[in-house]
Amino acid sequence: LIILMFDAALVNFFPLYAETLLIGQAAIGTMFAIRALASTSVRLPTGVGSTRVPSRYLMTAALVLGMVMVWSICFLTSPLALTIVLAGEGICFGMFLTSGQTFVTEQVDEADRGAAMGVYSMTGSIASTAGPFLMGAVAALWGLRSVFWFTGALVFVGILAFLYLSSRPGPAAQA
């Protein structure tokens, strides 16, 4: 769902939404550059932090932050506010990627870590492929702003599913 939020909702539909607000292409590009810097800036600290804070908590915090950021796009029209929201989503994305990889490796036996990381990456690729179709249908049915509301709702459901599933011990924890 984190990839769905970024690849489907933000990359494909945020520029269209910003354009309806008469925000220029250069400003939209600058917003995405600030988002990328925010995402990059939290990856190393998240990796270091995952030695002290369980990766499950970091992932949950990232998902909650991302959900709030993507939902808030529905209500914002100011370029500055939208830039702050994109930076917040960038922080979410960077935290999630780093803590997510840590979480996956913690949950499986050493011999299965390569396959587990492959499945982790594959699910993101599926979201990158199918997400724009889904979000396009949502936009066609309910309008452009609904893409961000719908994405936030999906992430909320994902948070609940993650909390439930991650509370169960994995094979590495059972050994």
C-alpha atoms as a PDB file:
ATOM      1  CA  LEU A   1       0.000   0.000   0.000  1.00  0.00           C
ATOM      2  CA  ILE A   2       2.931   2.354   0.523  1.00  0.00           C
ATOM      3  CA  ILE A   3       3.908   1.918  -3.132  1.00  0.00           C
ATOM      4  CA  LEU A   4       0.271   2.352  -4.141  1.00  0.00           C
ATOM      5  CA  MET A   5       0.235   5.630  -2.236  1.00  0.00           C
ATOM      6  CA  PHE A   6       3.358   6.912  -3.953  1.00  0.00           C
ATOM      7  CA  ASP A   7       3.299   5.406  -7.453  1.00  0.00           C
ATOM      8  CA  ALA A   8      -0.425   5.441  -8.059  1.00  0.00           C
ATOM      9  CA  ALA A   9      -1.812   8.374  -6.112  1.00  0.00           C
ATOM     10  CA  LEU A  10       1.065  10.828  -5.868  1.00  0.00           C
ATOM     11  CA  VAL A  11       3.105  10.321  -9.021  1.00  0.00           C
ATOM     12  CA  ASN A  12       0.121   9.957 -11.322  1.00  0.00           C
ATOM     13  CA  PHE A  13      -2.621  12.071  -9.769  1.00  0.00           C
ATOM     14  CA  PHE A  14      -0.995  14.713  -7.570  1.00  0.00           C
ATOM     15  CA  PRO A  15       0.345  16.672 -10.586  1.00  0.00           C
ATOM     16  CA  LEU A  16      -3.151  16.640 -12.125  1.00  0.00           C
ATOM     17  CA  TYR A  17      -4.655  17.865  -8.866  1.00  0.00           C
ATOM     18  CA  ALA A  18      -1.997  20.573  -8.473  1.00  0.00           C
ATOM     19  CA  GLU A  19      -2.634  21.684 -12.040  1.00  0.00           C
ATOM     20  CA  THR A  20      -6.336  22.197 -11.236  1.00  0.00           C
ATOM     21  CA  LEU A  21      -5.132  24.569  -8.507  1.00  0.00           C
ATOM     22  CA  LEU A  22      -3.123  26.483 -11.134  1.00  0.00           C
ATOM     23  CA  ILE A  23       0.189  25.395  -9.643  1.00  0.00           C
ATOM     24  CA  GLY A  24       2.826  25.460 -12.379  1.00  0.00           C
ATOM     25  CA  GLN A  25       4.949  22.572 -13.556  1.00  0.00           C
ATOM     26  CA  ALA A  26       8.138  24.021 -12.080  1.00  0.00           C
ATOM     27  CA  ALA A  27       6.501  24.353  -8.669  1.00  0.00           C
ATOM     28  CA  ILE A  28       5.163  20.783  -8.870  1.00  0.00           C
ATOM     29  CA  GLY A  29       8.649  19.546  -9.761  1.00  0.00           C
ATOM     30  CA  THR A  30      10.101  21.469  -6.814  1.00  0.00           C
ATOM     31  CA  MET A  31       7.500  19.909  -4.518  1.00  0.00           C
ATOM     32  CA  PHE A  32       8.560  16.432  -5.633  1.00  0.00           C
ATOM     33  CA  ALA A  33      12.255  17.311  -5.222  1.00  0.00           C
ATOM     34  CA  ILE A  34      11.601  18.392  -1.625  1.00  0.00           C
ATOM     35  CA  ARG A  35       9.657  15.165  -1.093  1.00  0.00           C
ATOM     36  CA  ALA A  36      12.614  13.124  -2.408  1.00  0.00           C
ATOM     37  CA  LEU A  37      15.037  14.941  -0.090  1.00  0.00           C
ATOM     38  CA  ALA A  38      12.767  14.288   2.885  1.00  0.00           C
ATOM     39  CA  SER A  39      12.492  10.608   1.949  1.00  0.00           C
ATOM     40  CA  THR A  40      16.236  10.224   1.553  1.00  0.00           C
ATOM     41  CA  SER A  41      17.038  12.088   4.772  1.00  0.00           C
ATOM     42  CA  VAL A  42      15.187   9.635   7.035  1.00  0.00           C
ATOM     43  CA  ARG A  43      16.458   6.342   5.657  1.00  0.00           C
ATOM     44  CA  LEU A  44      19.767   6.172   7.540  1.00  0.00           C
ATOM     45  CA  PRO A  45      18.287   7.412  10.848  1.00  0.00           C
ATOM     46  CA  THR A  46      15.463   4.872  10.488  1.00  0.00           C
ATOM     47  CA  GLY A  47      17.974   2.087   9.901  1.00  0.00           C
ATOM     48  CA  VAL A  48      19.939   3.120  12.968  1.00  0.00           C
ATOM     49  CA  GLY A  49      16.741   3.575  14.957  1.00  0.00           C
ATOM     50  CA  SER A  50      15.549   0.088  14.094  1.00  0.00           C
ATOM     51  CA  THR A  51      18.288  -1.283  16.344  1.00  0.00           C
ATOM     52  CA  ARG A  52      16.556   0.379  19.309  1.00  0.00           C
ATOM     53  CA  VAL A  53      12.899   0.620  18.244  1.00  0.00           C
ATOM     54  CA  PRO A  54      11.126  -2.461  16.890  1.00  0.00           C
ATOM     55  CA  SER A  55      10.732  -2.241  13.125  1.00  0.00           C
ATOM     56  CA  ARG A  56       7.025  -3.031  13.532  1.00  0.00           C
ATOM     57  CA  TYR A  57       6.549   0.258  15.405  1.00  0.00           C
ATOM     58  CA  LEU A  58       8.535   2.222  12.846  1.00  0.00           C
ATOM     59  CA  MET A  59       6.489   0.725  10.005  1.00  0.00           C
ATOM     60  CA  THR A  60       3.231   1.513  11.792  1.00  0.00           C
ATOM     61  CA  ALA A  61       4.319   5.093  12.466  1.00  0.00           C
ATOM     62  CA  ALA A  62       5.298   5.493   8.813  1.00  0.00           C
ATOM     63  CA  LEU A  63       1.959   4.129   7.624  1.00  0.00           C
ATOM     64  CA  VAL A  64      -0.013   6.407   9.947  1.00  0.00           C
ATOM     65  CA  LEU A  65       2.013   9.422   8.800  1.00  0.00           C
ATOM     66  CA  GLY A  66       1.481   8.491   5.155  1.00  0.00           C
ATOM     67  CA  MET A  67      -2.238   7.964   5.654  1.00  0.00           C
ATOM     68  CA  VAL A  68      -2.625  11.381   7.281  1.00  0.00           C
ATOM     69  CA  MET A  69      -0.534  13.057   4.574  1.00  0.00           C
ATOM     70  CA  VAL A  70      -2.394  11.534   1.634  1.00  0.00           C
ATOM     71  CA  TRP A  71      -5.809  12.183   3.211  1.00  0.00           C
ATOM     72  CA  SER A  72      -4.936  15.802   3.899  1.00  0.00           C
ATOM     73  CA  ILE A  73      -4.290  16.460   0.201  1.00  0.00           C
ATOM     74  CA  CYS A  74      -8.080  16.348  -0.298  1.00  0.00           C
ATOM     75  CA  PHE A  75      -8.479  19.441   1.850  1.00  0.00           C
ATOM     76  CA  LEU A  76      -5.493  21.554   0.835  1.00  0.00           C
ATOM     77  CA  THR A  77      -5.089  24.083  -1.943  1.00  0.00           C
ATOM     78  CA  SER A  78      -2.042  26.084  -0.836  1.00  0.00           C
ATOM     79  CA  PRO A  79       1.224  25.254  -2.627  1.00  0.00           C
ATOM     80  CA  LEU A  80       3.165  25.604   0.645  1.00  0.00           C
ATOM     81  CA  ALA A  81       0.798  23.303   2.549  1.00  0.00           C
ATOM     82  CA  LEU A  82       0.901  20.766  -0.273  1.00  0.00           C
ATOM     83  CA  THR A  83       4.708  20.891  -0.284  1.00  0.00           C
ATOM     84  CA  ILE A  84       4.761  20.202   3.463  1.00  0.00           C
ATOM     85  CA  VAL A  85       2.375  17.289   2.951  1.00  0.00           C
ATOM     86  CA  LEU A  86       4.527  15.853   0.167  1.00  0.00           C
ATOM     87  CA  ALA A  87       7.593  16.161   2.406  1.00  0.00           C
ATOM     88  CA  GLY A  88       5.683  14.344   5.156  1.00  0.00           C
ATOM     89  CA  GLU A  89       4.768  11.591   2.729  1.00  0.00           C
ATOM     90  CA  GLY A  90       8.425  11.421   1.697  1.00  0.00           C
ATOM     91  CA  ILE A  91       9.392  10.894   5.330  1.00  0.00           C
ATOM     92  CA  CYS A  92       6.762   8.171   5.543  1.00  0.00           C
ATOM     93  CA  PHE A  93       8.069   6.472   2.414  1.00  0.00           C
ATOM     94  CA  GLY A  94      11.711   6.541   3.526  1.00  0.00           C
ATOM     95  CA  MET A  95      10.849   5.243   6.978  1.00  0.00           C
ATOM     96  CA  PHE A  96       8.657   2.509   5.584  1.00  0.00           C
ATOM     97  CA  LEU A  97      11.141   1.239   3.018  1.00  0.00           C
ATOM     98  CA  THR A  98      13.929   0.995   5.567  1.00  0.00           C
ATOM     99  CA  SER A  99      11.919  -0.426   8.456  1.00  0.00           C
ATOM    100  CA  GLY A 100       9.960  -2.679   6.094  1.00  0.00           C
ATOM    101  CA  GLN A 101      13.089  -4.373   4.844  1.00  0.00           C
ATOM    102  CA  THR A 102      14.290  -4.763   8.411  1.00  0.00           C
ATOM    103  CA  PHE A 103      10.934  -6.212   9.437  1.00  0.00           C
ATOM    104  CA  VAL A 104      10.938  -8.753   6.604  1.00  0.00           C
ATOM    105  CA  THR A 105      14.425  -9.974   7.427  1.00  0.00           C
ATOM    106  CA  GLU A 106      13.498 -10.279  11.117  1.00  0.00           C
ATOM    107  CA  GLN A 107      10.460 -12.435  10.360  1.00  0.00           C
ATOM    108  CA  VAL A 108      12.022 -15.205   8.292  1.00  0.00           C
ATOM    109  CA  ASP A 109      14.808 -17.711   8.694  1.00  0.00           C
ATOM    110  CA  GLU A 110      18.156 -16.704   7.226  1.00  0.00           C
ATOM    111  CA  ALA A 111      17.860 -19.248   4.388  1.00  0.00           C
ATOM    112  CA  ASP A 112      14.550 -17.701   3.262  1.00  0.00           C
ATOM    113  CA  ARG A 113      15.459 -14.005   3.468  1.00  0.00           C
ATOM    114  CA  GLY A 114      16.260 -13.630  -0.224  1.00  0.00           C
ATOM    115  CA  ALA A 115      12.914 -15.094  -1.248  1.00  0.00           C
ATOM    116  CA  ALA A 116      11.097 -12.999   1.364  1.00  0.00           C
ATOM    117  CA  MET A 117      12.720  -9.796   0.072  1.00  0.00           C
ATOM    118  CA  GLY A 118      11.774 -10.856  -3.452  1.00  0.00           C
ATOM    119  CA  VAL A 119       8.119 -11.220  -2.442  1.00  0.00           C
ATOM    120  CA  TYR A 120       8.312  -7.884  -0.605  1.00  0.00           C
ATOM    121  CA  SER A 121       9.598  -6.192  -3.773  1.00  0.00           C
ATOM    122  CA  MET A 122       7.141  -8.037  -5.990  1.00  0.00           C
ATOM    123  CA  THR A 123       4.132  -6.803  -4.048  1.00  0.00           C
ATOM    124  CA  GLY A 124       5.351  -3.239  -4.512  1.00  0.00           C
ATOM    125  CA  SER A 125       5.684  -3.843  -8.245  1.00  0.00           C
ATOM    126  CA  ILE A 126       2.144  -5.181  -8.402  1.00  0.00           C
ATOM    127  CA  ALA A 127       0.921  -2.009  -6.700  1.00  0.00           C
ATOM    128  CA  SER A 128       2.938   0.089  -9.172  1.00  0.00           C
ATOM    129  CA  THR A 129       1.296  -1.732 -12.073  1.00  0.00           C
ATOM    130  CA  ALA A 130      -2.305  -2.119 -10.912  1.00  0.00           C
ATOM    131  CA  GLY A 131      -2.553   1.015  -8.777  1.00  0.00           C
ATOM    132  CA  PRO A 132      -2.819   3.580 -11.551  1.00  0.00           C
ATOM    133  CA  PHE A 133      -5.659   1.608 -13.130  1.00  0.00           C
ATOM    134  CA  LEU A 134      -7.514   1.428  -9.816  1.00  0.00           C
ATOM    135  CA  MET A 135      -6.929   5.096  -9.019  1.00  0.00           C
ATOM    136  CA  GLY A 136      -7.931   6.083 -12.547  1.00  0.00           C
ATOM    137  CA  ALA A 137     -11.236   4.302 -12.043  1.00  0.00           C
ATOM    138  CA  VAL A 138     -11.711   6.036  -8.687  1.00  0.00           C
ATOM    139  CA  ALA A 139     -10.965   9.436 -10.263  1.00  0.00           C
ATOM    140  CA  ALA A 140     -13.337   8.757 -13.160  1.00  0.00           C
ATOM    141  CA  LEU A 141     -16.148   7.740 -10.806  1.00  0.00           C
ATOM    142  CA  TRP A 142     -15.793  10.246  -7.978  1.00  0.00           C
ATOM    143  CA  GLY A 143     -13.351  12.949  -9.083  1.00  0.00           C
ATOM    144  CA  LEU A 144      -9.679  13.717  -8.641  1.00  0.00           C
ATOM    145  CA  ARG A 145      -9.740  14.506  -4.911  1.00  0.00           C
ATOM    146  CA  SER A 146     -11.358  11.138  -4.193  1.00  0.00           C
ATOM    147  CA  VAL A 147      -8.117   9.413  -5.250  1.00  0.00           C
ATOM    148  CA  PHE A 148      -6.396  10.768  -2.141  1.00  0.00           C
ATOM    149  CA  TRP A 149      -9.297   9.954   0.164  1.00  0.00           C
ATOM    150  CA  PHE A 150      -9.572   6.425  -1.268  1.00  0.00           C
ATOM    151  CA  THR A 151      -5.817   5.857  -0.977  1.00  0.00           C
ATOM    152  CA  GLY A 152      -5.869   7.009   2.647  1.00  0.00           C
ATOM    153  CA  ALA A 153      -8.743   4.607   3.341  1.00  0.00           C
ATOM    154  CA  LEU A 154      -6.784   1.723   1.775  1.00  0.00           C
ATOM    155  CA  VAL A 155      -3.744   2.576   3.875  1.00  0.00           C
ATOM    156  CA  PHE A 156      -5.943   2.645   6.993  1.00  0.00           C
ATOM    157  CA  VAL A 157      -7.194  -0.869   6.203  1.00  0.00           C
ATOM    158  CA  GLY A 158      -3.583  -1.865   5.541  1.00  0.00           C
ATOM    159  CA  ILE A 159      -2.524  -0.545   8.955  1.00  0.00           C
ATOM    160  CA  LEU A 160      -5.187  -2.642  10.652  1.00  0.00           C
ATOM    161  CA  ALA A 161      -4.177  -5.739   8.674  1.00  0.00           C
ATOM    162  CA  PHE A 162      -0.485  -5.132   9.399  1.00  0.00           C
ATOM    163  CA  LEU A 163      -1.071  -4.702  13.121  1.00  0.00           C
ATOM    164  CA  TYR A 164      -3.058  -7.918  13.247  1.00  0.00           C
ATOM    165  CA  LEU A 165      -0.668  -9.970  11.139  1.00  0.00           C
ATOM    166  CA  SER A 166       2.526  -8.614  12.687  1.00  0.00           C
ATOM    167  CA  SER A 167       1.333  -9.376  16.205  1.00  0.00           C
ATOM    168  CA  ARG A 168       1.593 -13.079  15.383  1.00  0.00           C
ATOM    169  CA  PRO A 169       5.063 -14.582  15.724  1.00  0.00           C
ATOM    170  CA  GLY A 170       6.842 -15.441  12.484  1.00  0.00           C
ATOM    171  CA  PRO A 171       8.957 -18.553  11.829  1.00  0.00           C
ATOM    172  CA  ALA A 172      12.174 -16.840  12.960  1.00  0.00           C
ATOM    173  CA  ALA A 173      10.561 -15.863  16.269  1.00  0.00           C
ATOM    174  CA  GLN A 174       9.223 -19.370  16.835  1.00  0.00           C
ATOM    175  CA  ALA A 175      12.621 -21.027  16.361  1.00  0.00           C
END
